[in-house]
Amino acid sequence: MDYKYFMEKALEEARKALESGEFPVGCVVAYKNNIIVTGTRTGTTGNYTNEIDHAEMAALRRLSELKENADKSKIILFCTLEPCLMCYSAIVLSGIGKIVYAYEDVMGGCTKCDLTKLSPFYKERKIKIIPDILRDKSMELFKVYFENQKNTYWKDSLLARYTLRQ
């Protein structure tokens, strides 16, 4: 499977978010070398931001609506930013076999969580993590986002400072 191809598609979703003033996270879900659903981050503009409408959650919601009888362990989720705890947990619970991400989230990324220390339900889940695919391209989107003074979501956060120092 061509990870860079699918990550480019996730980056297209992230660019859509950025163009609409949202935090630039995009996600695609692939099965049998085809994109089956996508997701784009929303809920980061205006006075009432939320922490629910993440790109991965939007993609997982669409995946659940497909009603396709797919071997979930062979599904690969591509995202432009390392999944947070909420998204990582939902991906694990969904039975997806692999996460491929572009840019590490030094503030809230959770792919290094040790599932073996959790209860049996989580401990028995197997998921492969592939980091740093097109990392620089994703990082550039975050730099553009954080350099724009109009964007207040996570302004002056650890992630913003880390990104702008690179």
N, C-alpha and C. Protein backbone atom coordinates (compact mmCIF):
# COMPACT_ATOMS: atom_id res chain seq x y z
N MET A 1 0.84 -1.19 0.00
CA MET A 1 0.00 0.00 0.00
C MET A 1 0.88 1.24 0.00
N ASP A 2 0.49 2.21 -0.78
CA ASP A 2 1.25 3.45 -0.91
C ASP A 2 0.79 4.45 0.16
N TYR A 3 1.48 4.45 1.30
CA TYR A 3 1.11 5.31 2.42
C TYR A 3 1.13 6.78 2.02
N LYS A 4 2.09 7.18 1.21
CA LYS A 4 2.19 8.59 0.82
C LYS A 4 0.98 9.03 0.00
N TYR A 5 0.49 8.18 -0.86
CA TYR A 5 -0.70 8.52 -1.66
C TYR A 5 -1.90 8.80 -0.75
N PHE A 6 -2.13 7.91 0.19
CA PHE A 6 -3.29 8.07 1.07
C PHE A 6 -3.10 9.25 2.03
N MET A 7 -1.87 9.48 2.45
CA MET A 7 -1.63 10.64 3.32
C MET A 7 -1.83 11.93 2.53
N GLU A 8 -1.47 11.95 1.26
CA GLU A 8 -1.76 13.14 0.43
C GLU A 8 -3.26 13.42 0.42
N LYS A 9 -4.05 12.37 0.36
CA LYS A 9 -5.52 12.55 0.38
C LYS A 9 -5.97 13.08 1.74
N ALA A 10 -5.36 12.62 2.81
CA ALA A 10 -5.67 13.16 4.15
C ALA A 10 -5.25 14.63 4.23
N LEU A 11 -4.12 14.95 3.62
CA LEU A 11 -3.66 16.35 3.59
C LEU A 11 -4.63 17.22 2.80
N GLU A 12 -5.25 16.69 1.76
CA GLU A 12 -6.28 17.45 1.02
C GLU A 12 -7.45 17.79 1.95
N GLU A 13 -7.83 16.84 2.80
CA GLU A 13 -8.90 17.09 3.77
C GLU A 13 -8.46 18.16 4.77
N ALA A 14 -7.20 18.10 5.19
CA ALA A 14 -6.68 19.10 6.14
C ALA A 14 -6.65 20.49 5.50
N ARG A 15 -6.31 20.55 4.22
CA ARG A 15 -6.31 21.85 3.52
C ARG A 15 -7.72 22.42 3.44
N LYS A 16 -8.71 21.56 3.25
CA LYS A 16 -10.11 22.03 3.24
C LYS A 16 -10.45 22.68 4.59
N ALA A 17 -10.03 22.02 5.66
CA ALA A 17 -10.27 22.57 7.01
C ALA A 17 -9.58 23.92 7.14
N LEU A 18 -8.32 23.98 6.76
CA LEU A 18 -7.55 25.23 6.87
C LEU A 18 -8.19 26.35 6.05
N GLU A 19 -8.63 26.03 4.85
CA GLU A 19 -9.25 27.05 3.99
C GLU A 19 -10.54 27.60 4.58
N SER A 20 -11.21 26.83 5.42
CA SER A 20 -12.43 27.32 6.05
C SER A 20 -12.16 27.85 7.46
N GLY A 21 -10.87 28.03 7.80
CA GLY A 21 -10.51 28.62 9.08
C GLY A 21 -10.43 27.62 10.22
N GLU A 22 -10.58 26.35 9.92
CA GLU A 22 -10.55 25.31 10.96
C GLU A 22 -9.13 24.80 11.18
N PHE A 23 -8.94 24.12 12.30
CA PHE A 23 -7.68 23.47 12.63
C PHE A 23 -7.40 22.43 11.53
N PRO A 24 -6.19 22.44 10.95
CA PRO A 24 -5.94 21.67 9.73
C PRO A 24 -5.66 20.18 9.94
N VAL A 25 -6.70 19.45 10.32
CA VAL A 25 -6.57 18.01 10.46
C VAL A 25 -7.50 17.34 9.47
N GLY A 26 -6.94 16.37 8.75
CA GLY A 26 -7.71 15.60 7.79
C GLY A 26 -7.47 14.12 8.02
N CYS A 27 -8.43 13.32 7.56
CA CYS A 27 -8.36 11.88 7.79
C CYS A 27 -8.98 11.16 6.59
N VAL A 28 -8.37 10.06 6.20
CA VAL A 28 -8.99 9.15 5.23
C VAL A 28 -8.88 7.74 5.79
N VAL A 29 -9.88 6.94 5.47
CA VAL A 29 -9.90 5.55 5.89
C VAL A 29 -9.86 4.71 4.62
N ALA A 30 -8.91 3.79 4.58
CA ALA A 30 -8.71 2.96 3.38
C ALA A 30 -8.95 1.48 3.70
N TYR A 31 -9.51 0.81 2.71
CA TYR A 31 -9.75 -0.63 2.80
C TYR A 31 -9.55 -1.21 1.41
N LYS A 32 -8.76 -2.25 1.35
CA LYS A 32 -8.44 -2.90 0.07
C LYS A 32 -7.94 -1.88 -0.96
N ASN A 33 -7.07 -1.01 -0.49
CA ASN A 33 -6.40 -0.01 -1.34
C ASN A 33 -7.35 1.04 -1.92
N ASN A 34 -8.50 1.24 -1.29
CA ASN A 34 -9.46 2.26 -1.70
C ASN A 34 -9.85 3.11 -0.51
N ILE A 35 -10.06 4.39 -0.76
CA ILE A 35 -10.58 5.27 0.28
C ILE A 35 -12.07 5.00 0.40
N ILE A 36 -12.50 4.69 1.62
CA ILE A 36 -13.92 4.41 1.81
C ILE A 36 -14.66 5.53 2.53
N VAL A 37 -13.96 6.30 3.37
CA VAL A 37 -14.56 7.48 4.00
C VAL A 37 -13.46 8.50 4.30
N THR A 38 -13.88 9.74 4.51
CA THR A 38 -12.95 10.81 4.86
C THR A 38 -13.52 11.60 6.04
N GLY A 39 -12.68 12.42 6.62
CA GLY A 39 -13.12 13.30 7.70
C GLY A 39 -12.26 14.55 7.74
N THR A 40 -12.87 15.64 8.15
CA THR A 40 -12.19 16.93 8.25
C THR A 40 -12.54 17.53 9.60
N ARG A 41 -11.58 18.17 10.24
CA ARG A 41 -11.81 18.78 11.55
C ARG A 41 -12.75 19.97 11.42
N THR A 42 -13.72 20.03 12.29
CA THR A 42 -14.63 21.18 12.40
C THR A 42 -14.77 21.53 13.88
N GLY A 43 -15.43 22.63 14.14
CA GLY A 43 -15.69 23.02 15.53
C GLY A 43 -14.58 23.80 16.20
N THR A 44 -13.69 24.40 15.40
CA THR A 44 -12.57 25.14 16.01
C THR A 44 -12.64 26.64 15.72
N THR A 45 -13.72 27.09 15.12
CA THR A 45 -13.86 28.51 14.83
C THR A 45 -14.99 29.10 15.66
N GLY A 46 -15.00 30.41 15.73
CA GLY A 46 -16.07 31.10 16.45
C GLY A 46 -15.89 31.07 17.94
N ASN A 47 -16.93 31.49 18.63
CA ASN A 47 -16.88 31.59 20.09
C ASN A 47 -17.16 30.29 20.82
N TYR A 48 -17.69 29.30 20.11
CA TYR A 48 -18.11 28.07 20.77
C TYR A 48 -17.45 26.86 20.13
N THR A 49 -16.15 26.73 20.36
CA THR A 49 -15.42 25.59 19.81
C THR A 49 -15.78 24.33 20.59
N ASN A 50 -15.52 23.18 19.97
CA ASN A 50 -15.79 21.92 20.66
C ASN A 50 -14.65 20.94 20.45
N GLU A 51 -14.60 19.95 21.29
CA GLU A 51 -13.56 18.93 21.23
C GLU A 51 -14.14 17.58 20.81
N ILE A 52 -15.20 17.60 20.05
CA ILE A 52 -15.83 16.36 19.61
C ILE A 52 -15.68 16.15 18.11
N ASP A 53 -15.73 17.21 17.34
CA ASP A 53 -15.76 17.09 15.89
C ASP A 53 -14.36 17.00 15.27
N HIS A 54 -13.62 15.99 15.72
CA HIS A 54 -12.29 15.73 15.17
C HIS A 54 -12.43 15.01 13.84
N ALA A 55 -11.43 15.15 13.00
CA ALA A 55 -11.46 14.52 11.67
C ALA A 55 -11.63 13.00 11.77
N GLU A 56 -10.93 12.40 12.72
CA GLU A 56 -11.02 10.95 12.88
C GLU A 56 -12.43 10.53 13.32
N MET A 57 -13.03 11.30 14.20
CA MET A 57 -14.38 10.96 14.68
C MET A 57 -15.40 11.09 13.54
N ALA A 58 -15.24 12.12 12.71
CA ALA A 58 -16.13 12.28 11.55
C ALA A 58 -15.98 11.09 10.61
N ALA A 59 -14.75 10.67 10.37
CA ALA A 59 -14.51 9.51 9.48
C ALA A 59 -15.08 8.23 10.10
N LEU A 60 -14.88 8.04 11.40
CA LEU A 60 -15.41 6.84 12.05
C LEU A 60 -16.93 6.81 12.02
N ARG A 61 -17.54 7.98 12.17
CA ARG A 61 -19.01 8.05 12.10
C ARG A 61 -19.48 7.62 10.71
N ARG A 62 -18.81 8.13 9.68
CA ARG A 62 -19.16 7.76 8.31
C ARG A 62 -18.91 6.27 8.06
N LEU A 63 -17.83 5.76 8.62
CA LEU A 63 -17.52 4.34 8.47
C LEU A 63 -18.63 3.49 9.07
N SER A 64 -19.14 3.88 10.22
CA SER A 64 -20.20 3.11 10.86
C SER A 64 -21.50 3.15 10.07
N GLU A 65 -21.68 4.20 9.29
CA GLU A 65 -22.89 4.35 8.48
C GLU A 65 -22.84 3.56 7.17
N LEU A 66 -21.66 3.07 6.80
CA LEU A 66 -21.52 2.33 5.54
C LEU A 66 -22.26 1.01 5.55
N LYS A 67 -22.34 0.41 6.69
CA LYS A 67 -22.98 -0.91 6.82
C LYS A 67 -22.29 -1.93 5.92
N GLU A 68 -20.99 -1.73 5.71
CA GLU A 68 -20.21 -2.65 4.88
C GLU A 68 -19.61 -3.72 5.77
N ASN A 69 -19.62 -4.93 5.28
CA ASN A 69 -19.09 -6.04 6.05
C ASN A 69 -17.61 -6.20 5.74
N ALA A 70 -16.79 -5.30 6.27
CA ALA A 70 -15.36 -5.29 6.01
C ALA A 70 -14.61 -5.92 7.17
N ASP A 71 -13.46 -6.51 6.88
CA ASP A 71 -12.58 -7.00 7.93
C ASP A 71 -11.89 -5.78 8.52
N LYS A 72 -12.37 -5.32 9.66
CA LYS A 72 -11.87 -4.06 10.23
C LYS A 72 -10.39 -4.10 10.57
N SER A 73 -9.86 -5.28 10.81
CA SER A 73 -8.43 -5.37 11.12
C SER A 73 -7.57 -5.03 9.90
N LYS A 74 -8.18 -5.01 8.73
CA LYS A 74 -7.46 -4.66 7.50
C LYS A 74 -7.73 -3.22 7.05
N ILE A 75 -8.48 -2.49 7.84
CA ILE A 75 -8.74 -1.08 7.56
C ILE A 75 -7.58 -0.26 8.10
N ILE A 76 -7.18 0.75 7.32
CA ILE A 76 -6.09 1.64 7.73
C ILE A 76 -6.63 3.07 7.80
N LEU A 77 -6.38 3.73 8.91
CA LEU A 77 -6.79 5.12 9.11
C LEU A 77 -5.57 6.00 8.96
N PHE A 78 -5.64 6.97 8.05
CA PHE A 78 -4.57 7.93 7.80
C PHE A 78 -5.01 9.27 8.35
N CYS A 79 -4.18 9.91 9.18
CA CYS A 79 -4.53 11.22 9.69
C CYS A 79 -3.31 12.12 9.71
N THR A 80 -3.55 13.40 9.55
CA THR A 80 -2.46 14.36 9.42
C THR A 80 -1.84 14.76 10.75
N LEU A 81 -2.53 14.46 11.84
CA LEU A 81 -2.01 14.73 13.18
C LEU A 81 -2.23 13.48 14.02
N GLU A 82 -1.26 13.16 14.84
CA GLU A 82 -1.37 12.00 15.72
C GLU A 82 -2.68 12.07 16.51
N PRO A 83 -3.44 10.98 16.54
CA PRO A 83 -4.73 11.00 17.24
C PRO A 83 -4.60 11.29 18.74
N CYS A 84 -5.58 12.04 19.23
CA CYS A 84 -5.69 12.32 20.66
C CYS A 84 -6.26 11.08 21.38
N LEU A 85 -6.40 11.17 22.67
CA LEU A 85 -6.91 10.04 23.45
C LEU A 85 -8.32 9.63 23.02
N MET A 86 -9.20 10.61 22.80
CA MET A 86 -10.57 10.30 22.37
C MET A 86 -10.57 9.55 21.05
N CYS A 87 -9.83 10.08 20.08
CA CYS A 87 -9.82 9.47 18.75
C CYS A 87 -9.12 8.11 18.77
N TYR A 88 -7.99 8.04 19.47
CA TYR A 88 -7.26 6.78 19.57
C TYR A 88 -8.15 5.70 20.17
N SER A 89 -8.85 6.04 21.24
CA SER A 89 -9.75 5.07 21.88
C SER A 89 -10.85 4.63 20.92
N ALA A 90 -11.44 5.56 20.20
CA ALA A 90 -12.51 5.21 19.26
C ALA A 90 -11.98 4.34 18.12
N ILE A 91 -10.77 4.62 17.66
CA ILE A 91 -10.16 3.81 16.60
C ILE A 91 -9.92 2.40 17.12
N VAL A 92 -9.36 2.29 18.32
CA VAL A 92 -9.12 0.98 18.92
C VAL A 92 -10.43 0.23 19.09
N LEU A 93 -11.45 0.89 19.63
CA LEU A 93 -12.75 0.25 19.83
C LEU A 93 -13.40 -0.18 18.52
N SER A 94 -13.08 0.54 17.45
CA SER A 94 -13.65 0.20 16.14
C SER A 94 -13.01 -1.05 15.54
N GLY A 95 -11.89 -1.48 16.08
CA GLY A 95 -11.24 -2.68 15.57
C GLY A 95 -10.34 -2.43 14.37
N ILE A 96 -10.07 -1.17 14.08
CA ILE A 96 -9.20 -0.82 12.95
C ILE A 96 -7.79 -1.34 13.24
N GLY A 97 -7.13 -1.87 12.20
CA GLY A 97 -5.86 -2.54 12.38
C GLY A 97 -4.63 -1.67 12.35
N LYS A 98 -4.73 -0.48 11.74
CA LYS A 98 -3.53 0.33 11.59
C LYS A 98 -3.86 1.81 11.54
N ILE A 99 -3.03 2.60 12.20
CA ILE A 99 -3.09 4.06 12.14
C ILE A 99 -1.79 4.53 11.50
N VAL A 100 -1.92 5.37 10.49
CA VAL A 100 -0.77 6.01 9.87
C VAL A 100 -0.98 7.51 10.06
N TYR A 101 0.00 8.18 10.66
CA TYR A 101 -0.16 9.62 10.86
C TYR A 101 1.06 10.38 10.36
N ALA A 102 0.86 11.68 10.14
CA ALA A 102 1.91 12.53 9.58
C ALA A 102 2.71 13.24 10.67
N TYR A 103 2.04 14.03 11.48
CA TYR A 103 2.71 14.94 12.41
C TYR A 103 2.38 14.55 13.84
N GLU A 104 3.41 14.47 14.68
CA GLU A 104 3.23 14.10 16.08
C GLU A 104 2.56 15.24 16.85
N ASP A 105 1.65 14.86 17.72
CA ASP A 105 0.99 15.84 18.58
C ASP A 105 1.67 15.80 19.94
N VAL A 106 2.63 16.69 20.13
CA VAL A 106 3.40 16.70 21.37
C VAL A 106 2.56 17.08 22.59
N MET A 107 1.42 17.66 22.33
CA MET A 107 0.56 18.12 23.42
C MET A 107 -0.49 17.07 23.79
N GLY A 108 -1.05 16.40 22.80
CA GLY A 108 -2.16 15.50 23.12
C GLY A 108 -2.18 14.18 22.38
N GLY A 109 -1.11 13.85 21.67
CA GLY A 109 -1.07 12.58 20.94
C GLY A 109 -1.03 11.39 21.88
N CYS A 110 -1.71 10.33 21.50
CA CYS A 110 -1.83 9.19 22.42
C CYS A 110 -1.49 7.84 21.81
N THR A 111 -0.84 7.81 20.68
CA THR A 111 -0.56 6.51 20.06
C THR A 111 0.49 5.70 20.81
N LYS A 112 1.14 6.31 21.77
CA LYS A 112 2.12 5.57 22.58
C LYS A 112 1.50 5.03 23.87
N CYS A 113 0.19 5.17 24.01
CA CYS A 113 -0.49 4.61 25.18
C CYS A 113 -0.25 3.10 25.23
N ASP A 114 0.07 2.60 26.40
CA ASP A 114 0.32 1.18 26.57
C ASP A 114 -1.00 0.47 26.87
N LEU A 115 -1.60 -0.10 25.84
CA LEU A 115 -2.89 -0.78 25.99
C LEU A 115 -2.80 -1.99 26.92
N THR A 116 -1.61 -2.58 27.04
CA THR A 116 -1.48 -3.77 27.88
C THR A 116 -1.69 -3.48 29.35
N LYS A 117 -1.66 -2.20 29.74
CA LYS A 117 -1.87 -1.83 31.14
C LYS A 117 -3.35 -1.57 31.45
N LEU A 118 -4.19 -1.68 30.42
CA LEU A 118 -5.62 -1.42 30.59
C LEU A 118 -6.38 -2.74 30.79
N SER A 119 -7.68 -2.62 30.95
CA SER A 119 -8.51 -3.80 31.15
C SER A 119 -8.48 -4.72 29.93
N PRO A 120 -8.90 -5.98 30.07
CA PRO A 120 -8.80 -6.96 28.99
C PRO A 120 -9.42 -6.51 27.67
N PHE A 121 -10.50 -5.79 27.73
CA PHE A 121 -11.15 -5.35 26.50
C PHE A 121 -10.19 -4.58 25.60
N TYR A 122 -9.38 -3.71 26.18
CA TYR A 122 -8.41 -2.91 25.43
C TYR A 122 -7.10 -3.67 25.24
N LYS A 123 -6.70 -4.37 26.27
CA LYS A 123 -5.44 -5.10 26.27
C LYS A 123 -5.36 -6.07 25.10
N GLU A 124 -6.48 -6.65 24.73
CA GLU A 124 -6.50 -7.67 23.67
C GLU A 124 -6.57 -7.08 22.27
N ARG A 125 -6.72 -5.79 22.15
CA ARG A 125 -6.77 -5.14 20.84
C ARG A 125 -5.37 -5.00 20.28
N LYS A 126 -5.24 -5.28 19.02
CA LYS A 126 -3.94 -5.14 18.35
C LYS A 126 -4.07 -4.06 17.28
N ILE A 127 -3.20 -3.06 17.36
CA ILE A 127 -3.22 -1.98 16.38
C ILE A 127 -1.78 -1.59 16.07
N LYS A 128 -1.49 -1.42 14.81
CA LYS A 128 -0.15 -1.03 14.37
C LYS A 128 -0.14 0.47 14.13
N ILE A 129 0.95 1.12 14.52
CA ILE A 129 1.09 2.57 14.38
C ILE A 129 2.27 2.87 13.45
N ILE A 130 2.03 3.68 12.44
CA ILE A 130 3.08 4.11 11.50
C ILE A 130 3.12 5.65 11.55
N PRO A 131 4.17 6.23 12.16
CA PRO A 131 4.27 7.70 12.25
C PRO A 131 5.07 8.31 11.10
N ASP A 132 4.99 9.62 11.01
CA ASP A 132 5.89 10.45 10.19
C ASP A 132 5.76 10.30 8.67
N ILE A 133 4.61 9.92 8.19
CA ILE A 133 4.42 9.84 6.74
C ILE A 133 4.00 11.24 6.25
N LEU A 134 4.83 11.86 5.44
CA LEU A 134 4.64 13.23 4.94
C LEU A 134 4.53 14.23 6.09
N ARG A 135 5.33 13.99 7.12
CA ARG A 135 5.33 14.83 8.32
C ARG A 135 5.51 16.31 7.99
N ASP A 136 6.50 16.63 7.15
CA ASP A 136 6.80 18.04 6.86
C ASP A 136 5.64 18.75 6.18
N LYS A 137 4.94 18.05 5.31
CA LYS A 137 3.79 18.67 4.63
C LYS A 137 2.68 19.00 5.63
N SER A 138 2.45 18.09 6.54
CA SER A 138 1.43 18.34 7.56
C SER A 138 1.87 19.47 8.49
N MET A 139 3.13 19.43 8.91
CA MET A 139 3.65 20.47 9.80
C MET A 139 3.50 21.85 9.17
N GLU A 140 3.73 21.96 7.88
CA GLU A 140 3.59 23.25 7.19
C GLU A 140 2.17 23.79 7.30
N LEU A 141 1.16 22.92 7.21
CA LEU A 141 -0.23 23.37 7.37
C LEU A 141 -0.46 23.93 8.77
N PHE A 142 0.12 23.27 9.77
CA PHE A 142 -0.03 23.76 11.14
C PHE A 142 0.71 25.08 11.34
N LYS A 143 1.85 25.23 10.69
CA LYS A 143 2.57 26.51 10.78
C LYS A 143 1.71 27.63 10.20
N VAL A 144 1.13 27.39 9.04
CA VAL A 144 0.26 28.40 8.42
C VAL A 144 -0.89 28.73 9.37
N TYR A 145 -1.48 27.71 9.95
CA TYR A 145 -2.60 27.92 10.87
C TYR A 145 -2.17 28.76 12.08
N PHE A 146 -1.10 28.35 12.74
CA PHE A 146 -0.67 29.05 13.96
C PHE A 146 -0.11 30.43 13.69
N GLU A 147 0.43 30.68 12.52
CA GLU A 147 0.95 32.01 12.18
C GLU A 147 -0.16 33.02 11.89
N ASN A 148 -1.34 32.54 11.58
CA ASN A 148 -2.48 33.42 11.29
C ASN A 148 -3.08 33.91 12.62
N GLN A 149 -2.97 35.19 12.90
CA GLN A 149 -3.45 35.76 14.16
C GLN A 149 -4.96 35.62 14.36
N LYS A 150 -5.69 35.41 13.28
CA LYS A 150 -7.15 35.23 13.39
C LYS A 150 -7.51 33.89 14.04
N ASN A 151 -6.61 32.93 13.95
CA ASN A 151 -6.88 31.60 14.50
C ASN A 151 -6.52 31.58 15.98
N THR A 152 -7.51 31.39 16.81
CA THR A 152 -7.28 31.41 18.26
C THR A 152 -7.30 30.01 18.88
N TYR A 153 -7.76 29.02 18.14
CA TYR A 153 -7.81 27.65 18.66
C TYR A 153 -6.39 27.15 18.92
N TRP A 154 -6.10 26.78 20.13
CA TRP A 154 -4.80 26.30 20.60
C TRP A 154 -3.68 27.32 20.40
N LYS A 155 -4.05 28.59 20.26
CA LYS A 155 -3.05 29.65 20.16
C LYS A 155 -2.19 29.64 21.43
N ASP A 156 -0.90 29.79 21.27
CA ASP A 156 0.06 29.82 22.38
C ASP A 156 0.12 28.51 23.17
N SER A 157 -0.39 27.43 22.61
CA SER A 157 -0.34 26.13 23.28
C SER A 157 1.03 25.49 23.07
N LEU A 158 1.28 24.40 23.76
CA LEU A 158 2.51 23.64 23.57
C LEU A 158 2.65 23.23 22.11
N LEU A 159 1.57 22.76 21.49
CA LEU A 159 1.64 22.35 20.09
C LEU A 159 1.98 23.54 19.18
N ALA A 160 1.39 24.69 19.45
CA ALA A 160 1.67 25.88 18.64
C ALA A 160 3.13 26.28 18.78
N ARG A 161 3.62 26.34 20.00
CA ARG A 161 5.02 26.73 20.23
C ARG A 161 5.98 25.73 19.58
N TYR A 162 5.72 24.46 19.75
CA TYR A 162 6.55 23.40 19.16
C TYR A 162 6.57 23.51 17.63
N THR A 163 5.41 23.72 17.04
CA THR A 163 5.31 23.81 15.59
C THR A 163 6.04 25.04 15.05
N LEU A 164 5.83 26.16 15.68
CA LEU A 164 6.43 27.40 15.18
C LEU A 164 7.94 27.46 15.39
N ARG A 165 8.48 26.64 16.26
CA ARG A 165 9.93 26.57 16.47
C ARG A 165 10.64 25.75 15.40
N GLN A 166 9.90 24.99 14.65
CA GLN A 166 10.54 24.08 13.67
C GLN A 166 10.78 24.74 12.35
